């Protein structure tokens, strides 16, 4: 049922908004922090991991 309009009409069976909604305050703050770290304005103290296991163990501790 969902795939039929996609194939026969070459369109999605639902509407896709043309514009992206504005990010909320938390998202804007996270984007600003990421950009500041990338530019070296503030230190990037985020942990780095070589494998998934170590990353998941770190997340479990949070």
PDB file of N, CA and C in Angstrom:
ATOM      1  N   UNK A   1       0.821  -1.185   0.000  1.00  0.00           N
ATOM      2  CA  UNK A   1       0.000   0.000   0.000  1.00  0.00           C
ATOM      3  C   UNK A   1       0.874   1.261   0.000  1.00  0.00           C
ATOM      4  N   UNK A   2       1.916   1.261   0.804  1.00  0.00           N
ATOM      5  CA  UNK A   2       2.791   2.426   0.872  1.00  0.00           C
ATOM      6  C   UNK A   2       3.691   2.513  -0.346  1.00  0.00           C
ATOM      7  N   UNK A   3       4.147   1.399  -0.852  1.00  0.00           N
ATOM      8  CA  UNK A   3       5.105   1.390  -1.954  1.00  0.00           C
ATOM      9  C   UNK A   3       4.436   1.704  -3.303  1.00  0.00           C
ATOM     10  N   UNK A   4       3.155   1.441  -3.434  1.00  0.00           N
ATOM     11  CA  UNK A   4       2.466   1.641  -4.711  1.00  0.00           C
ATOM     12  C   UNK A   4       2.563   3.090  -5.216  1.00  0.00           C
ATOM     13  N   UNK A   5       2.212   4.108  -4.404  1.00  0.00           N
ATOM     14  CA  UNK A   5       2.339   5.494  -4.903  1.00  0.00           C
ATOM     15  C   UNK A   5       3.779   5.866  -5.230  1.00  0.00           C
ATOM     16  N   UNK A   6       4.697   5.298  -4.487  1.00  0.00           N
ATOM     17  CA  UNK A   6       6.108   5.594  -4.714  1.00  0.00           C
ATOM     18  C   UNK A   6       6.543   5.105  -6.087  1.00  0.00           C
ATOM     19  N   UNK A   7       6.120   3.934  -6.439  1.00  0.00           N
ATOM     20  CA  UNK A   7       6.521   3.348  -7.727  1.00  0.00           C
ATOM     21  C   UNK A   7       5.684   3.901  -8.881  1.00  0.00           C
ATOM     22  N   UNK A   8       4.372   3.862  -8.743  1.00  0.00           N
ATOM     23  CA  UNK A   8       3.514   4.252  -9.866  1.00  0.00           C
ATOM     24  C   UNK A   8       3.485   5.756 -10.124  1.00  0.00           C
ATOM     25  N   UNK A   9       3.534   6.559  -9.087  1.00  0.00           N
ATOM     26  CA  UNK A   9       3.443   8.009  -9.258  1.00  0.00           C
ATOM     27  C   UNK A   9       4.763   8.729  -9.016  1.00  0.00           C
ATOM     28  N   UNK A  10       5.764   7.962  -8.620  1.00  0.00           N
ATOM     29  CA  UNK A  10       7.081   8.518  -8.304  1.00  0.00           C
ATOM     30  C   UNK A  10       6.976   9.645  -7.278  1.00  0.00           C
ATOM     31  N   UNK A  11       6.222   9.376  -6.219  1.00  0.00           N
ATOM     32  CA  UNK A  11       6.080  10.332  -5.137  1.00  0.00           C
ATOM     33  C   UNK A  11       5.866   9.591  -3.830  1.00  0.00           C
ATOM     34  N   UNK A  12       6.183  10.264  -2.745  1.00  0.00           N
ATOM     35  CA  UNK A  12       5.974   9.683  -1.430  1.00  0.00           C
ATOM     36  C   UNK A  12       4.500   9.738  -1.065  1.00  0.00           C
ATOM     37  N   UNK A  13       4.012   8.764  -0.300  1.00  0.00           N
ATOM     38  CA  UNK A  13       2.595   8.750   0.074  1.00  0.00           C
ATOM     39  C   UNK A  13       2.275   9.659   1.257  1.00  0.00           C
ATOM     40  N   UNK A  14       3.157  10.602   1.557  1.00  0.00           N
ATOM     41  CA  UNK A  14       2.928  11.562   2.629  1.00  0.00           C
ATOM     42  C   UNK A  14       3.624  12.858   2.256  1.00  0.00           C
ATOM     43  N   UNK A  15       3.217  13.924   2.900  1.00  0.00           N
ATOM     44  CA  UNK A  15       3.773  15.235   2.598  1.00  0.00           C
ATOM     45  C   UNK A  15       5.088  15.449   3.353  1.00  0.00           C
ATOM     46  N   UNK A  16       6.073  16.004   2.660  1.00  0.00           N
ATOM     47  CA  UNK A  16       7.357  16.328   3.276  1.00  0.00           C
ATOM     48  C   UNK A  16       7.454  17.844   3.350  1.00  0.00           C
ATOM     49  N   UNK A  17       7.622  18.392   4.557  1.00  0.00           N
ATOM     50  CA  UNK A  17       7.694  19.855   4.673  1.00  0.00           C
ATOM     51  C   UNK A  17       8.895  20.414   3.907  1.00  0.00           C
ATOM     52  N   UNK A  18       8.679  21.524   3.230  1.00  0.00           N
ATOM     53  CA  UNK A  18       9.733  22.128   2.422  1.00  0.00           C
ATOM     54  C   UNK A  18      10.759  22.837   3.284  1.00  0.00           C
ATOM     55  N   UNK A  19      10.348  23.400   4.386  1.00  0.00           N
ATOM     56  CA  UNK A  19      11.251  24.150   5.240  1.00  0.00           C
ATOM     57  C   UNK A  19      11.535  23.369   6.524  1.00  0.00           C
ATOM     58  N   UNK A  20      12.739  23.558   7.048  1.00  0.00           N
ATOM     59  CA  UNK A  20      13.102  22.930   8.309  1.00  0.00           C
ATOM     60  C   UNK A  20      12.638  23.817   9.453  1.00  0.00           C
ATOM     61  N   UNK A  21      12.094  23.216  10.501  1.00  0.00           N
ATOM     62  CA  UNK A  21      11.681  24.037  11.647  1.00  0.00           C
ATOM     63  C   UNK A  21      12.900  24.637  12.341  1.00  0.00           C
ATOM     64  N   UNK A  22      12.688  25.715  13.041  1.00  0.00           N
ATOM     65  CA  UNK A  22      13.758  26.371  13.789  1.00  0.00           C
ATOM     66  C   UNK A  22      14.193  25.468  14.938  1.00  0.00           C
ATOM     67  N   UNK A  23      15.498  25.347  15.155  1.00  0.00           N
ATOM     68  CA  UNK A  23      15.955  24.545  16.291  1.00  0.00           C
ATOM     69  C   UNK A  23      15.569  25.213  17.612  1.00  0.00           C
ATOM     70  N   UNK A  24      15.331  24.393  18.623  1.00  0.00           N
ATOM     71  CA  UNK A  24      14.966  24.952  19.928  1.00  0.00           C
ATOM     72  C   UNK A  24      16.209  25.458  20.652  1.00  0.00           C
ATOM     73  N   UNK A  25      16.013  26.006  21.838  1.00  0.00           N
ATOM     74  CA  UNK A  25      17.101  26.628  22.598  1.00  0.00           C
ATOM     75  C   UNK A  25      18.221  25.624  22.899  1.00  0.00           C
ATOM     76  N   UNK A  26      17.872  24.409  23.277  1.00  0.00           N
ATOM     77  CA  UNK A  26      18.874  23.392  23.605  1.00  0.00           C
ATOM     78  C   UNK A  26      19.705  23.034  22.385  1.00  0.00           C
ATOM     79  N   UNK A  27      19.043  22.880  21.239  1.00  0.00           N
ATOM     80  CA  UNK A  27      19.759  22.540  20.009  1.00  0.00           C
ATOM     81  C   UNK A  27      20.664  23.682  19.566  1.00  0.00           C
ATOM     82  N   UNK A  28      20.168  24.915  19.641  1.00  0.00           N
ATOM     83  CA  UNK A  28      20.998  26.075  19.270  1.00  0.00           C
ATOM     84  C   UNK A  28      22.236  26.167  20.156  1.00  0.00           C
ATOM     85  N   UNK A  29      22.061  25.915  21.447  1.00  0.00           N
ATOM     86  CA  UNK A  29      23.187  25.963  22.377  1.00  0.00           C
ATOM     87  C   UNK A  29      24.213  24.871  22.039  1.00  0.00           C
ATOM     88  N   UNK A  30      23.758  23.659  21.741  1.00  0.00           N
ATOM     89  CA  UNK A  30      24.652  22.557  21.385  1.00  0.00           C
ATOM     90  C   UNK A  30      25.399  22.858  20.089  1.00  0.00           C
ATOM     91  N   UNK A  31      24.714  23.448  19.108  1.00  0.00           N
ATOM     92  CA  UNK A  31      25.363  23.806  17.846  1.00  0.00           C
ATOM     93  C   UNK A  31      26.419  24.884  18.054  1.00  0.00           C
ATOM     94  N   UNK A  32      26.109  25.872  18.893  1.00  0.00           N
ATOM     95  CA  UNK A  32      27.078  26.940  19.176  1.00  0.00           C
ATOM     96  C   UNK A  32      28.293  26.379  19.901  1.00  0.00           C
ATOM     97  N   UNK A  33      28.067  25.480  20.841  1.00  0.00           N
ATOM     98  CA  UNK A  33      29.177  24.875  21.575  1.00  0.00           C
ATOM     99  C   UNK A  33      30.048  24.036  20.643  1.00  0.00           C
ATOM    100  N   UNK A  34      29.437  23.262  19.764  1.00  0.00           N
ATOM    101  CA  UNK A  34      30.199  22.446  18.820  1.00  0.00           C
ATOM    102  C   UNK A  34      31.033  23.319  17.882  1.00  0.00           C
ATOM    103  N   UNK A  35      30.451  24.410  17.427  1.00  0.00           N
ATOM    104  CA  UNK A  35      31.192  25.305  16.530  1.00  0.00           C
ATOM    105  C   UNK A  35      32.348  25.976  17.265  1.00  0.00           C
ATOM    106  N   UNK A  36      32.124  26.393  18.513  1.00  0.00           N
ATOM    107  CA  UNK A  36      33.191  27.023  19.298  1.00  0.00           C
ATOM    108  C   UNK A  36      34.338  26.045  19.534  1.00  0.00           C
ATOM    109  N   UNK A  37      34.015  24.779  19.789  1.00  0.00           N
ATOM    110  CA  UNK A  37      35.055  23.761  19.968  1.00  0.00           C
ATOM    111  C   UNK A  37      35.808  23.536  18.664  1.00  0.00           C
ATOM    112  N   UNK A  38      35.082  23.486  17.552  1.00  0.00           N
ATOM    113  CA  UNK A  38      35.711  23.269  16.250  1.00  0.00           C
ATOM    114  C   UNK A  38      36.643  24.420  15.878  1.00  0.00           C
ATOM    115  N   UNK A  39      36.298  25.637  16.294  1.00  0.00           N
ATOM    116  CA  UNK A  39      37.114  26.810  15.998  1.00  0.00           C
ATOM    117  C   UNK A  39      38.229  27.020  17.014  1.00  0.00           C
ATOM    118  N   UNK A  40      38.246  26.233  18.085  1.00  0.00           N
ATOM    119  CA  UNK A  40      39.273  26.377  19.101  1.00  0.00           C
ATOM    120  C   UNK A  40      39.013  27.501  20.085  1.00  0.00           C
ATOM    121  N   UNK A  41      37.805  28.041  20.081  1.00  0.00           N
ATOM    122  CA  UNK A  41      37.449  29.128  20.991  1.00  0.00           C
ATOM    123  C   UNK A  41      37.365  28.606  22.424  1.00  0.00           C
ATOM    124  N   UNK A  42      36.813  27.416  22.585  1.00  0.00           N
ATOM    125  CA  UNK A  42      36.779  26.754  23.886  1.00  0.00           C
ATOM    126  C   UNK A  42      37.408  25.376  23.726  1.00  0.00           C
ATOM    127  N   UNK A  43      37.992  24.828  24.793  1.00  0.00           N
ATOM    128  CA  UNK A  43      38.643  23.527  24.668  1.00  0.00           C
ATOM    129  C   UNK A  43      37.637  22.408  24.414  1.00  0.00           C
ATOM    130  N   UNK A  44      38.045  21.462  23.610  1.00  0.00           N
ATOM    131  CA  UNK A  44      37.198  20.306  23.328  1.00  0.00           C
ATOM    132  C   UNK A  44      37.571  19.201  24.308  1.00  0.00           C
ATOM    133  N   UNK A  45      36.820  19.113  25.390  1.00  0.00           N
ATOM    134  CA  UNK A  45      37.105  18.122  26.415  1.00  0.00           C
ATOM    135  C   UNK A  45      36.232  16.874  26.280  1.00  0.00           C
ATOM    136  N   UNK A  46      35.667  16.679  25.101  1.00  0.00           N
ATOM    137  CA  UNK A  46      34.829  15.507  24.856  1.00  0.00           C
ATOM    138  C   UNK A  46      35.704  14.266  24.780  1.00  0.00           C
ATOM    139  N   UNK A  47      35.265  13.177  25.394  1.00  0.00           N
ATOM    140  CA  UNK A  47      36.067  11.958  25.326  1.00  0.00           C
ATOM    141  C   UNK A  47      36.051  11.372  23.916  1.00  0.00           C
ATOM    142  N   UNK A  48      37.157  10.742  23.551  1.00  0.00           N
ATOM    143  CA  UNK A  48      37.258  10.074  22.254  1.00  0.00           C
ATOM    144  C   UNK A  48      37.419   8.578  22.500  1.00  0.00           C
ATOM    145  N   UNK A  49      36.876   7.782  21.617  1.00  0.00           N
ATOM    146  CA  UNK A  49      36.917   6.330  21.778  1.00  0.00           C
ATOM    147  C   UNK A  49      37.401   5.678  20.493  1.00  0.00           C
ATOM    148  N   UNK A  50      38.120   4.572  20.650  1.00  0.00           N
ATOM    149  CA  UNK A  50      38.621   3.813  19.502  1.00  0.00           C
ATOM    150  C   UNK A  50      37.674   2.706  19.092  1.00  0.00           C
ATOM    151  N   UNK A  51      36.721   2.376  19.974  1.00  0.00           N
ATOM    152  CA  UNK A  51      35.806   1.283  19.640  1.00  0.00           C
ATOM    153  C   UNK A  51      34.454   1.520  20.309  1.00  0.00           C
ATOM    154  N   UNK A  52      33.484   0.799  19.829  1.00  0.00           N
ATOM    155  CA  UNK A  52      32.110   0.953  20.302  1.00  0.00           C
ATOM    156  C   UNK A  52      31.956   0.515  21.751  1.00  0.00           C
ATOM    157  N   UNK A  53      32.641  -0.546  22.125  1.00  0.00           N
ATOM    158  CA  UNK A  53      32.517  -1.076  23.484  1.00  0.00           C
ATOM    159  C   UNK A  53      32.885  -0.012  24.518  1.00  0.00           C
ATOM    160  N   UNK A  54      34.008   0.656  24.317  1.00  0.00           N
ATOM    161  CA  UNK A  54      34.436   1.693  25.254  1.00  0.00           C
ATOM    162  C   UNK A  54      33.449   2.857  25.289  1.00  0.00           C
ATOM    163  N   UNK A  55      32.920   3.227  24.145  1.00  0.00           N
ATOM    164  CA  UNK A  55      31.952   4.321  24.080  1.00  0.00           C
ATOM    165  C   UNK A  55      30.677   3.951  24.849  1.00  0.00           C
ATOM    166  N   UNK A  56      30.195   2.736  24.666  1.00  0.00           N
ATOM    167  CA  UNK A  56      28.980   2.301  25.354  1.00  0.00           C
ATOM    168  C   UNK A  56      29.204   2.205  26.861  1.00  0.00           C
ATOM    169  N   UNK A  57      30.382   1.746  27.265  1.00  0.00           N
ATOM    170  CA  UNK A  57      30.688   1.693  28.697  1.00  0.00           C
ATOM    171  C   UNK A  57      30.693   3.094  29.303  1.00  0.00           C
ATOM    172  N   UNK A  58      31.233   4.047  28.570  1.00  0.00           N
ATOM    173  CA  UNK A  58      31.232   5.425  29.043  1.00  0.00           C
ATOM    174  C   UNK A  58      29.794   5.942  29.195  1.00  0.00           C
ATOM    175  N   UNK A  59      28.956   5.661  28.209  1.00  0.00           N
ATOM    176  CA  UNK A  59      27.562   6.115  28.271  1.00  0.00           C
ATOM    177  C   UNK A  59      26.815   5.485  29.427  1.00  0.00           C
ATOM    178  N   UNK A  60      27.130   4.219  29.734  1.00  0.00           N
ATOM    179  CA  UNK A  60      26.470   3.548  30.856  1.00  0.00           C
ATOM    180  C   UNK A  60      26.801   4.216  32.189  1.00  0.00           C
ATOM    181  N   UNK A  61      27.966   4.847  32.269  1.00  0.00           N
ATOM    182  CA  UNK A  61      28.400   5.508  33.502  1.00  0.00           C
ATOM    183  C   UNK A  61      27.715   6.860  33.710  1.00  0.00           C
ATOM    184  N   UNK A  62      27.174   7.428  32.656  1.00  0.00           N
ATOM    185  CA  UNK A  62      26.552   8.757  32.763  1.00  0.00           C
ATOM    186  C   UNK A  62      25.219   8.717  33.461  1.00  0.00           C
TER     187      UNK A  62
END
